[in-house]
N, C-alpha and C. Protein backbone atom coordinates (compact mmCIF):
# COMPACT_ATOMS: atom_id res chain seq x y z
N MET A 1 18.22 25.51 17.28
CA MET A 1 16.98 24.39 17.00
C MET A 1 17.68 24.11 15.49
N GLY A 2 17.29 22.71 15.04
CA GLY A 2 18.23 21.99 13.96
C GLY A 2 17.53 22.50 12.93
N LYS A 3 18.63 21.81 11.61
CA LYS A 3 17.84 22.41 10.23
C LYS A 3 17.16 21.17 9.99
N SER A 4 16.26 21.11 9.28
CA SER A 4 14.87 20.20 8.62
C SER A 4 16.06 19.47 7.59
N GLU A 5 15.13 18.25 7.22
CA GLU A 5 15.94 17.47 6.95
C GLU A 5 15.32 17.41 5.31
N TYR A 6 14.36 18.59 5.18
CA TYR A 6 13.43 18.34 3.83
C TYR A 6 13.29 19.50 3.76
N LEU A 7 13.35 19.73 2.18
CA LEU A 7 12.94 21.28 1.88
C LEU A 7 11.65 21.57 1.88
N THR A 8 11.48 22.70 2.42
CA THR A 8 10.13 23.27 2.68
C THR A 8 9.40 24.08 1.58
N TYR A 9 8.03 24.34 1.80
CA TYR A 9 7.59 25.31 0.90
C TYR A 9 6.16 25.80 2.03
N LYS A 10 6.19 26.70 2.44
CA LYS A 10 5.52 27.36 3.06
C LYS A 10 5.36 26.71 4.36
N GLY A 11 6.51 26.52 5.07
CA GLY A 11 6.33 25.77 6.61
C GLY A 11 5.97 24.23 6.43
N LYS A 12 6.04 23.72 5.27
CA LYS A 12 5.40 22.29 5.09
C LYS A 12 6.65 21.41 4.02
N PRO A 13 6.73 20.66 4.29
CA PRO A 13 7.66 19.50 3.55
C PRO A 13 7.51 19.32 2.31
N LEU A 14 8.54 19.12 1.45
CA LEU A 14 8.45 18.75 -0.20
C LEU A 14 9.50 17.91 -0.39
N VAL A 15 9.13 16.80 -0.73
CA VAL A 15 9.75 15.93 -1.22
C VAL A 15 9.53 15.39 -2.61
N ARG A 16 10.67 15.24 -3.48
CA ARG A 16 10.84 15.24 -4.79
C ARG A 16 11.16 13.35 -4.85
N CYS A 17 10.26 12.73 -5.61
CA CYS A 17 10.44 11.44 -6.12
C CYS A 17 10.75 10.84 -6.96
N GLY A 18 11.64 11.35 -7.98
CA GLY A 18 11.58 10.74 -9.67
C GLY A 18 10.67 12.61 -9.96
N LYS A 19 9.51 12.08 -10.82
CA LYS A 19 8.55 13.16 -11.49
C LYS A 19 7.64 13.48 -10.53
N THR A 20 7.35 12.94 -9.28
CA THR A 20 6.17 12.90 -8.37
C THR A 20 6.82 13.62 -6.82
N LEU A 21 6.44 14.77 -6.50
CA LEU A 21 6.51 15.38 -5.65
C LEU A 21 5.22 15.35 -4.64
N TYR A 22 5.82 15.01 -2.80
CA TYR A 22 4.72 15.12 -1.90
C TYR A 22 5.00 16.51 -1.37
N TYR A 23 4.05 17.16 -1.13
CA TYR A 23 3.80 18.40 -0.32
C TYR A 23 2.91 17.92 1.35
N GLY A 24 3.45 18.10 2.37
CA GLY A 24 2.76 18.20 3.62
C GLY A 24 3.63 16.88 4.35
N SER A 25 3.07 16.73 5.55
CA SER A 25 3.62 15.56 5.72
C SER A 25 2.98 14.04 6.30
N MET A 26 3.51 13.25 6.37
CA MET A 26 2.79 11.85 6.55
C MET A 26 2.22 11.62 7.58
N ALA A 27 2.82 12.49 8.55
CA ALA A 27 2.26 12.43 10.00
C ALA A 27 0.56 12.93 10.43
N ASP A 28 0.17 13.89 9.13
CA ASP A 28 -0.59 14.34 9.10
C ASP A 28 -1.67 13.04 8.57
N LYS A 29 -3.29 14.03 8.50
CA LYS A 29 -4.29 13.36 8.06
C LYS A 29 -4.06 13.01 6.70
N TYR A 30 -4.03 14.26 5.94
CA TYR A 30 -3.73 14.62 4.11
C TYR A 30 -2.44 15.50 3.80
N VAL A 31 -2.16 14.61 2.62
CA VAL A 31 -0.95 15.04 1.97
C VAL A 31 -1.60 15.63 0.24
N ILE A 32 -0.44 16.04 -0.06
CA ILE A 32 -0.51 16.16 -1.47
C ILE A 32 0.40 15.44 -2.42
N LYS A 33 0.03 15.05 -3.42
CA LYS A 33 0.92 14.49 -4.24
C LYS A 33 0.69 15.41 -5.76
N MET A 34 2.11 15.23 -6.40
CA MET A 34 2.31 16.37 -7.56
C MET A 34 3.00 15.09 -8.56
N ASP A 35 1.89 14.88 -9.73
CA ASP A 35 2.88 14.10 -10.98
C ASP A 35 3.42 15.35 -11.87
N VAL A 36 4.35 15.72 -12.42
CA VAL A 36 4.76 15.86 -13.38
C VAL A 36 4.93 15.14 -14.75
N LYS A 37 3.27 15.40 -15.75
CA LYS A 37 3.12 14.45 -16.88
C LYS A 37 3.85 14.99 -18.07
N ASP A 38 3.98 16.47 -17.90
CA ASP A 38 4.91 16.56 -19.47
C ASP A 38 5.73 17.87 -18.96
N THR A 39 7.07 18.24 -19.74
CA THR A 39 7.71 18.79 -19.31
C THR A 39 8.39 19.99 -20.85
N LYS A 40 9.00 20.97 -20.81
CA LYS A 40 9.65 21.28 -21.73
C LYS A 40 10.85 22.23 -21.45
N LYS A 41 11.95 22.01 -22.46
CA LYS A 41 13.51 22.35 -21.98
C LYS A 41 13.31 23.90 -22.10
N SER A 42 13.84 24.59 -21.07
CA SER A 42 14.21 26.12 -21.04
C SER A 42 15.46 26.47 -20.84
N VAL A 43 16.23 26.72 -21.68
CA VAL A 43 17.85 26.86 -21.62
C VAL A 43 18.35 25.30 -21.03
N ASP A 44 18.76 25.49 -20.39
CA ASP A 44 19.27 23.72 -20.02
C ASP A 44 18.43 22.93 -19.03
N LEU A 45 17.73 23.65 -18.72
CA LEU A 45 16.60 22.54 -17.19
C LEU A 45 14.98 22.42 -18.00
N ASP A 46 14.77 21.17 -17.43
CA ASP A 46 13.31 20.67 -17.88
C ASP A 46 12.36 21.64 -16.97
N VAL A 47 11.03 22.18 -17.58
CA VAL A 47 10.43 22.83 -16.92
C VAL A 47 9.16 21.87 -16.94
N GLY A 48 8.26 21.73 -15.64
CA GLY A 48 7.27 20.88 -15.80
C GLY A 48 5.83 21.77 -16.31
N THR A 49 5.25 21.39 -17.40
CA THR A 49 4.27 22.13 -18.27
C THR A 49 3.11 21.37 -18.02
N LYS A 50 2.72 20.54 -17.44
CA LYS A 50 1.49 19.99 -16.98
C LYS A 50 1.60 18.92 -15.72
N VAL A 51 1.21 19.24 -14.62
CA VAL A 51 1.18 18.66 -13.02
C VAL A 51 0.07 18.41 -12.65
N THR A 52 -0.17 17.18 -12.63
CA THR A 52 -1.70 16.67 -11.65
C THR A 52 -1.39 16.97 -10.04
N VAL A 53 -2.47 17.81 -9.49
CA VAL A 53 -2.18 17.53 -8.28
C VAL A 53 -3.73 16.82 -7.42
N GLN A 54 -3.33 15.96 -6.33
CA GLN A 54 -4.48 15.05 -6.12
C GLN A 54 -3.91 15.11 -4.31
N LEU A 55 -4.97 15.66 -3.67
CA LEU A 55 -4.95 15.79 -2.04
C LEU A 55 -5.76 14.36 -2.11
N MET A 56 -4.66 13.64 -0.68
CA MET A 56 -4.71 12.40 -0.45
C MET A 56 -5.00 12.23 0.56
N TYR A 57 -5.45 11.16 1.19
CA TYR A 57 -5.63 10.45 2.86
C TYR A 57 -4.01 9.88 2.74
N THR A 58 -3.80 9.90 4.51
CA THR A 58 -2.31 9.29 4.36
C THR A 58 -2.55 8.19 5.32
N ASP A 59 -3.65 7.70 5.62
CA ASP A 59 -4.34 6.41 6.02
C ASP A 59 -3.75 5.43 5.17
N PRO A 60 -3.11 4.13 5.89
CA PRO A 60 -2.89 3.35 4.69
C PRO A 60 -3.46 1.82 4.69
N ASN A 61 -4.60 2.26 5.66
CA ASN A 61 -5.48 1.39 5.65
C ASN A 61 -6.85 1.65 4.45
N ILE A 62 -6.65 2.63 4.16
CA ILE A 62 -8.29 3.32 2.94
C ILE A 62 -7.16 2.66 1.77
N ARG A 63 -8.14 1.95 0.99
CA ARG A 63 -7.73 1.45 -0.61
C ARG A 63 -7.22 2.46 -0.99
N THR A 64 -6.02 2.18 -1.92
CA THR A 64 -5.60 3.46 -2.80
C THR A 64 -6.63 4.04 -3.54
N ARG A 65 -7.76 3.73 -4.36
CA ARG A 65 -8.48 4.45 -5.02
C ARG A 65 -9.67 5.45 -4.41
N LYS A 66 -9.41 5.06 -3.05
CA LYS A 66 -10.38 5.58 -1.82
C LYS A 66 -9.96 6.78 -1.21
N GLN A 67 -7.79 6.87 -1.14
CA GLN A 67 -7.15 7.81 -0.58
C GLN A 67 -7.76 9.49 -1.31
N ILE A 68 -7.92 9.36 -2.49
CA ILE A 68 -7.66 10.57 -3.69
C ILE A 68 -9.25 10.82 -2.69
N VAL A 69 -8.90 12.62 -2.54
CA VAL A 69 -9.97 13.62 -2.06
C VAL A 69 -10.42 14.43 -2.96
N LYS A 70 -9.31 15.23 -3.75
CA LYS A 70 -9.96 15.86 -4.94
C LYS A 70 -8.39 15.65 -6.16
N SER A 71 -8.91 15.87 -6.88
CA SER A 71 -8.08 15.88 -8.43
C SER A 71 -8.04 17.10 -8.95
N SER A 72 -6.97 17.44 -9.75
CA SER A 72 -6.66 18.91 -10.78
C SER A 72 -5.66 19.03 -11.64
N GLU A 73 -5.64 19.51 -12.74
CA GLU A 73 -4.47 19.29 -13.47
C GLU A 73 -3.79 20.62 -13.90
N LYS A 74 -2.94 20.97 -13.91
CA LYS A 74 -2.46 22.37 -13.70
C LYS A 74 -1.40 22.35 -14.82
N PRO A 75 -1.40 23.73 -15.11
CA PRO A 75 -0.36 24.11 -16.75
C PRO A 75 1.20 24.89 -16.04
N GLY A 76 1.73 24.21 -14.98
CA GLY A 76 2.72 24.46 -14.32
C GLY A 76 3.03 24.09 -12.89
N LEU A 77 4.56 24.08 -12.36
CA LEU A 77 4.55 23.57 -11.03
C LEU A 77 4.07 24.75 -9.96
N TYR A 78 4.25 26.09 -10.70
CA TYR A 78 3.90 27.20 -9.59
C TYR A 78 2.40 27.03 -9.15
N LEU A 79 1.61 27.06 -10.49
CA LEU A 79 0.19 27.13 -10.13
C LEU A 79 -0.15 25.61 -9.42
N ALA A 80 0.28 24.55 -9.52
CA ALA A 80 0.22 23.56 -8.95
C ALA A 80 0.05 23.93 -7.37
N LEU A 81 1.87 24.26 -7.23
CA LEU A 81 1.77 24.48 -5.79
C LEU A 81 1.15 25.56 -4.94
N ASP A 82 0.41 26.44 -5.67
CA ASP A 82 -0.40 27.45 -5.39
C ASP A 82 -1.71 26.64 -4.93
N ILE A 83 -2.46 25.63 -5.71
CA ILE A 83 -3.53 24.91 -5.23
C ILE A 83 -3.62 23.91 -4.35
N ALA A 84 -2.36 23.35 -4.53
CA ALA A 84 -1.62 22.33 -3.22
C ALA A 84 -1.74 22.65 -1.96
N ASP A 85 -1.11 24.11 -2.10
CA ASP A 85 -1.20 24.99 -0.54
C ASP A 85 -2.28 25.36 -0.26
N ALA A 86 -3.20 25.75 -0.61
CA ALA A 86 -4.45 25.76 -0.47
C ALA A 86 -5.41 24.96 0.18
N TRP A 87 -5.75 23.79 -0.92
CA TRP A 87 -6.20 22.52 -0.46
C TRP A 87 -5.66 21.80 0.62
N LEU A 88 -4.24 21.76 1.12
CA LEU A 88 -3.53 21.45 2.37
C LEU A 88 -4.03 22.05 3.52
N THR A 89 -3.86 23.48 3.41
CA THR A 89 -3.91 24.13 4.37
C THR A 89 -5.45 23.77 4.78
N ARG A 90 -6.48 24.23 3.79
CA ARG A 90 -8.01 24.12 4.42
C ARG A 90 -8.72 22.88 4.85
N ALA A 91 -7.72 21.82 4.20
CA ALA A 91 -8.04 20.11 4.82
C ALA A 91 -7.66 19.64 6.32
N LEU A 92 -6.40 20.25 6.73
CA LEU A 92 -5.96 20.49 7.87
C LEU A 92 -6.33 20.98 8.67
N ALA A 93 -6.89 22.35 8.53
CA ALA A 93 -7.92 23.08 9.00
C ALA A 93 -8.98 22.62 10.20
N GLU A 94 -9.79 21.39 8.88
CA GLU A 94 -11.02 20.76 9.42
C GLU A 94 -11.17 20.22 10.59
């Protein structure tokens, strides 16, 4: 078995592009988009303190505004990943 080319969280891909993280596979019906809106310095590392979480359709034929199914703002990346995993698991189980 080969190595995955992406970092994974709970078995699903987690891809970072700047201050935006995508959780889930673009081949599925839904994906989570997380935008880090604010950070603070902790020792020599920037830590996200305000993260917007959005459950979105991956269908490119749907207009951008209609792609967002759910949205929330969390006070840290851990809480954002926690809700992201719950939302994505439920949405993909439908």
